[in-house]
Structures are given as structure tokens and as C-alpha cells.
PDB file of N, CA and C in Angstrom:
ATOM      1  N   UNK A   1      -9.155  16.467  -6.639  1.00  0.00           N
ATOM      2  CA  UNK A   1      -8.066  15.695  -6.070  1.00  0.00           C
ATOM      3  C   UNK A   1      -8.571  14.283  -5.778  1.00  0.00           C
ATOM      4  N   UNK A   2      -7.783  13.298  -6.112  1.00  0.00           N
ATOM      5  CA  UNK A   2      -8.153  11.906  -5.907  1.00  0.00           C
ATOM      6  C   UNK A   2      -7.382  11.311  -4.739  1.00  0.00           C
ATOM      7  N   UNK A   3      -8.023  10.394  -4.042  1.00  0.00           N
ATOM      8  CA  UNK A   3      -7.340   9.633  -2.995  1.00  0.00           C
ATOM      9  C   UNK A   3      -7.141   8.217  -3.504  1.00  0.00           C
ATOM     10  N   UNK A   4      -5.993   7.659  -3.254  1.00  0.00           N
ATOM     11  CA  UNK A   4      -5.689   6.295  -3.682  1.00  0.00           C
ATOM     12  C   UNK A   4      -5.202   5.481  -2.501  1.00  0.00           C
ATOM     13  N   UNK A   5      -5.483   4.198  -2.559  1.00  0.00           N
ATOM     14  CA  UNK A   5      -5.071   3.274  -1.507  1.00  0.00           C
ATOM     15  C   UNK A   5      -4.322   2.118  -2.157  1.00  0.00           C
ATOM     16  N   UNK A   6      -3.210   1.749  -1.571  1.00  0.00           N
ATOM     17  CA  UNK A   6      -2.478   0.556  -1.995  1.00  0.00           C
ATOM     18  C   UNK A   6      -2.698  -0.476  -0.894  1.00  0.00           C
ATOM     19  N   UNK A   7      -3.228  -1.628  -1.276  1.00  0.00           N
ATOM     20  CA  UNK A   7      -3.528  -2.632  -0.263  1.00  0.00           C
ATOM     21  C   UNK A   7      -3.202  -4.025  -0.775  1.00  0.00           C
ATOM     22  N   UNK A   8      -3.136  -4.951   0.167  1.00  0.00           N
ATOM     23  CA  UNK A   8      -2.978  -6.363  -0.163  1.00  0.00           C
ATOM     24  C   UNK A   8      -4.125  -7.085   0.531  1.00  0.00           C
ATOM     25  N   UNK A   9      -4.820  -7.923  -0.187  1.00  0.00           N
ATOM     26  CA  UNK A   9      -5.965  -8.623   0.385  1.00  0.00           C
ATOM     27  C   UNK A   9      -5.599 -10.065   0.697  1.00  0.00           C
ATOM     28  N   UNK A  10      -5.945 -10.477   1.880  1.00  0.00           N
ATOM     29  CA  UNK A  10      -5.811 -11.882   2.246  1.00  0.00           C
ATOM     30  C   UNK A  10      -7.233 -12.338   2.561  1.00  0.00           C
ATOM     31  N   UNK A  11      -7.844 -12.996   1.608  1.00  0.00           N
ATOM     32  CA  UNK A  11      -9.254 -13.333   1.710  1.00  0.00           C
ATOM     33  C   UNK A  11      -9.552 -14.209   2.912  1.00  0.00           C
ATOM     34  N   UNK A  12     -10.724 -13.989   3.485  1.00  0.00           N
ATOM     35  CA  UNK A  12     -11.273 -14.749   4.606  1.00  0.00           C
ATOM     36  C   UNK A  12     -10.627 -14.429   5.953  1.00  0.00           C
ATOM     37  N   UNK A  13      -9.596 -13.586   5.973  1.00  0.00           N
ATOM     38  CA  UNK A  13      -9.018 -13.236   7.276  1.00  0.00           C
ATOM     39  C   UNK A  13      -8.912 -11.734   7.485  1.00  0.00           C
ATOM     40  N   UNK A  14      -8.364 -11.010   6.519  1.00  0.00           N
ATOM     41  CA  UNK A  14      -8.177  -9.570   6.703  1.00  0.00           C
ATOM     42  C   UNK A  14      -7.792  -8.906   5.392  1.00  0.00           C
ATOM     43  N   UNK A  15      -7.927  -7.597   5.381  1.00  0.00           N
ATOM     44  CA  UNK A  15      -7.411  -6.769   4.288  1.00  0.00           C
ATOM     45  C   UNK A  15      -6.429  -5.800   4.926  1.00  0.00           C
ATOM     46  N   UNK A  16      -5.208  -5.769   4.436  1.00  0.00           N
ATOM     47  CA  UNK A  16      -4.164  -4.923   4.993  1.00  0.00           C
ATOM     48  C   UNK A  16      -3.966  -3.701   4.111  1.00  0.00           C
ATOM     49  N   UNK A  17      -4.148  -2.518   4.682  1.00  0.00           N
ATOM     50  CA  UNK A  17      -3.916  -1.271   3.956  1.00  0.00           C
ATOM     51  C   UNK A  17      -2.452  -0.904   4.142  1.00  0.00           C
ATOM     52  N   UNK A  18      -1.726  -0.840   3.042  1.00  0.00           N
ATOM     53  CA  UNK A  18      -0.296  -0.558   3.101  1.00  0.00           C
ATOM     54  C   UNK A  18      -0.004   0.931   3.057  1.00  0.00           C
ATOM     55  N   UNK A  19      -0.810   1.682   2.303  1.00  0.00           N
ATOM     56  CA  UNK A  19      -0.542   3.111   2.149  1.00  0.00           C
ATOM     57  C   UNK A  19      -1.761   3.783   1.543  1.00  0.00           C
ATOM     58  N   UNK A  20      -2.054   4.973   1.988  1.00  0.00           N
ATOM     59  CA  UNK A  20      -3.146   5.777   1.453  1.00  0.00           C
ATOM     60  C   UNK A  20      -2.601   7.184   1.231  1.00  0.00           C
ATOM     61  N   UNK A  21      -2.941   7.789   0.090  1.00  0.00           N
ATOM     62  CA  UNK A  21      -2.392   9.104  -0.220  1.00  0.00           C
ATOM     63  C   UNK A  21      -3.297   9.838  -1.188  1.00  0.00           C
ATOM     64  N   UNK A  22      -3.152  11.156  -1.234  1.00  0.00           N
ATOM     65  CA  UNK A  22      -3.890  11.982  -2.188  1.00  0.00           C
ATOM     66  C   UNK A  22      -3.030  12.194  -3.416  1.00  0.00           C
ATOM     67  N   UNK A  23      -3.624  11.937  -4.572  1.00  0.00           N
ATOM     68  CA  UNK A  23      -2.890  12.130  -5.827  1.00  0.00           C
ATOM     69  C   UNK A  23      -3.120  13.536  -6.343  1.00  0.00           C
ATOM     70  N   UNK A  24      -2.046  14.163  -6.722  1.00  0.00           N
ATOM     71  CA  UNK A  24      -2.125  15.506  -7.287  1.00  0.00           C
ATOM     72  C   UNK A  24      -1.753  15.495  -8.764  1.00  0.00           C
ATOM     73  N   UNK A  25      -1.170  14.374  -9.214  1.00  0.00           N
ATOM     74  CA  UNK A  25      -0.768  14.224 -10.614  1.00  0.00           C
ATOM     75  C   UNK A  25      -1.232  12.854 -11.108  1.00  0.00           C
ATOM     76  N   UNK A  26      -1.047  12.590 -12.389  1.00  0.00           N
ATOM     77  CA  UNK A  26      -1.427  11.299 -12.971  1.00  0.00           C
ATOM     78  C   UNK A  26      -0.527  10.168 -12.485  1.00  0.00           C
ATOM     79  N   UNK A  27       0.741  10.479 -12.235  1.00  0.00           N
ATOM     80  CA  UNK A  27       1.727   9.461 -11.895  1.00  0.00           C
ATOM     81  C   UNK A  27       1.842   9.296 -10.380  1.00  0.00           C
ATOM     82  N   UNK A  28       1.921   8.047  -9.933  1.00  0.00           N
ATOM     83  CA  UNK A  28       2.164   7.769  -8.521  1.00  0.00           C
ATOM     84  C   UNK A  28       3.657   7.940  -8.260  1.00  0.00           C
ATOM     85  N   UNK A  29       3.981   8.682  -7.211  1.00  0.00           N
ATOM     86  CA  UNK A  29       5.385   8.988  -6.945  1.00  0.00           C
ATOM     87  C   UNK A  29       6.166   7.746  -6.514  1.00  0.00           C
ATOM     88  N   UNK A  30       7.444   7.764  -6.799  1.00  0.00           N
ATOM     89  CA  UNK A  30       8.338   6.667  -6.414  1.00  0.00           C
ATOM     90  C   UNK A  30       8.337   6.503  -4.899  1.00  0.00           C
ATOM     91  N   UNK A  31       8.279   7.607  -4.180  1.00  0.00           N
ATOM     92  CA  UNK A  31       8.249   7.560  -2.716  1.00  0.00           C
ATOM     93  C   UNK A  31       7.042   6.748  -2.230  1.00  0.00           C
ATOM     94  N   UNK A  32       5.866   7.016  -2.793  1.00  0.00           N
ATOM     95  CA  UNK A  32       4.659   6.293  -2.380  1.00  0.00           C
ATOM     96  C   UNK A  32       4.761   4.809  -2.717  1.00  0.00           C
ATOM     97  N   UNK A  33       5.254   4.482  -3.898  1.00  0.00           N
ATOM     98  CA  UNK A  33       5.406   3.081  -4.295  1.00  0.00           C
ATOM     99  C   UNK A  33       6.440   2.367  -3.436  1.00  0.00           C
ATOM    100  N   UNK A  34       7.559   3.031  -3.155  1.00  0.00           N
ATOM    101  CA  UNK A  34       8.610   2.436  -2.319  1.00  0.00           C
ATOM    102  C   UNK A  34       8.116   2.198  -0.898  1.00  0.00           C
ATOM    103  N   UNK A  35       7.360   3.150  -0.367  1.00  0.00           N
ATOM    104  CA  UNK A  35       6.830   3.014   0.990  1.00  0.00           C
ATOM    105  C   UNK A  35       5.863   1.833   1.070  1.00  0.00           C
ATOM    106  N   UNK A  36       4.981   1.695   0.094  1.00  0.00           N
ATOM    107  CA  UNK A  36       4.044   0.570   0.075  1.00  0.00           C
ATOM    108  C   UNK A  36       4.793  -0.754  -0.053  1.00  0.00           C
ATOM    109  N   UNK A  37       5.815  -0.802  -0.891  1.00  0.00           N
ATOM    110  CA  UNK A  37       6.606  -2.028  -1.061  1.00  0.00           C
ATOM    111  C   UNK A  37       7.322  -2.402   0.236  1.00  0.00           C
ATOM    112  N   UNK A  38       7.872  -1.408   0.919  1.00  0.00           N
ATOM    113  CA  UNK A  38       8.558  -1.650   2.193  1.00  0.00           C
ATOM    114  C   UNK A  38       7.579  -2.214   3.222  1.00  0.00           C
ATOM    115  N   UNK A  39       6.398  -1.616   3.297  1.00  0.00           N
ATOM    116  CA  UNK A  39       5.396  -2.086   4.254  1.00  0.00           C
ATOM    117  C   UNK A  39       4.911  -3.491   3.908  1.00  0.00           C
ATOM    118  N   UNK A  40       4.796  -3.807   2.615  1.00  0.00           N
ATOM    119  CA  UNK A  40       4.382  -5.146   2.212  1.00  0.00           C
ATOM    120  C   UNK A  40       5.425  -6.175   2.633  1.00  0.00           C
ATOM    121  N   UNK A  41       6.704  -5.866   2.434  1.00  0.00           N
ATOM    122  CA  UNK A  41       7.770  -6.781   2.850  1.00  0.00           C
ATOM    123  C   UNK A  41       7.730  -7.008   4.358  1.00  0.00           C
ATOM    124  N   UNK A  42       7.520  -5.934   5.123  1.00  0.00           N
ATOM    125  CA  UNK A  42       7.451  -6.046   6.579  1.00  0.00           C
ATOM    126  C   UNK A  42       6.250  -6.888   7.006  1.00  0.00           C
ATOM    127  N   UNK A  43       5.120  -6.700   6.333  1.00  0.00           N
ATOM    128  CA  UNK A  43       3.915  -7.455   6.658  1.00  0.00           C
ATOM    129  C   UNK A  43       4.099  -8.938   6.359  1.00  0.00           C
ATOM    130  N   UNK A  44       4.657  -9.256   5.207  1.00  0.00           N
ATOM    131  CA  UNK A  44       4.890 -10.658   4.838  1.00  0.00           C
ATOM    132  C   UNK A  44       5.822 -11.320   5.850  1.00  0.00           C
ATOM    133  N   UNK A  45       6.853 -10.592   6.262  1.00  0.00           N
ATOM    134  CA  UNK A  45       7.799 -11.108   7.257  1.00  0.00           C
ATOM    135  C   UNK A  45       7.079 -11.380   8.584  1.00  0.00           C
ATOM    136  N   UNK A  46       6.202 -10.463   8.979  1.00  0.00           N
ATOM    137  CA  UNK A  46       5.476 -10.592  10.238  1.00  0.00           C
ATOM    138  C   UNK A  46       4.476 -11.752  10.201  1.00  0.00           C
ATOM    139  N   UNK A  47       3.849 -11.976   9.053  1.00  0.00           N
ATOM    140  CA  UNK A  47       2.824 -13.014   8.945  1.00  0.00           C
ATOM    141  C   UNK A  47       3.403 -14.418   8.810  1.00  0.00           C
ATOM    142  N   UNK A  48       4.662 -14.529   8.449  1.00  0.00           N
ATOM    143  CA  UNK A  48       5.287 -15.859   8.282  1.00  0.00           C
ATOM    144  C   UNK A  48       5.907 -16.356   9.551  1.00  0.00           C
TER     145      UNK A  48
END
């Protein structure tokens, strides 16, 4: 079983982990991708 992390890096200040999950198949689920995208939008909104 593999673990995967979706993150966004902002060099010289921080690395933000958006989502971490265990992969059971080759394909990343839509739920995991949607959750990471939602968190990225929230983070960008918070940082601006």
C-alpha cells in the first residue's frame, strides 16, 4: 500500500500539506482530488 501527499510549496516560508491518503489503486479518487483542490482554494484565500 502506498501513501501519497498532495501539497503546495511556498519557498522560503512554508510548505502546506493539503491532503494525505493511502492509495489502494493506481488512480487517485475524485474525492481526494476535490478535497485537495478545496483546501488549496481556502488556503489561497486565507493567505491573500
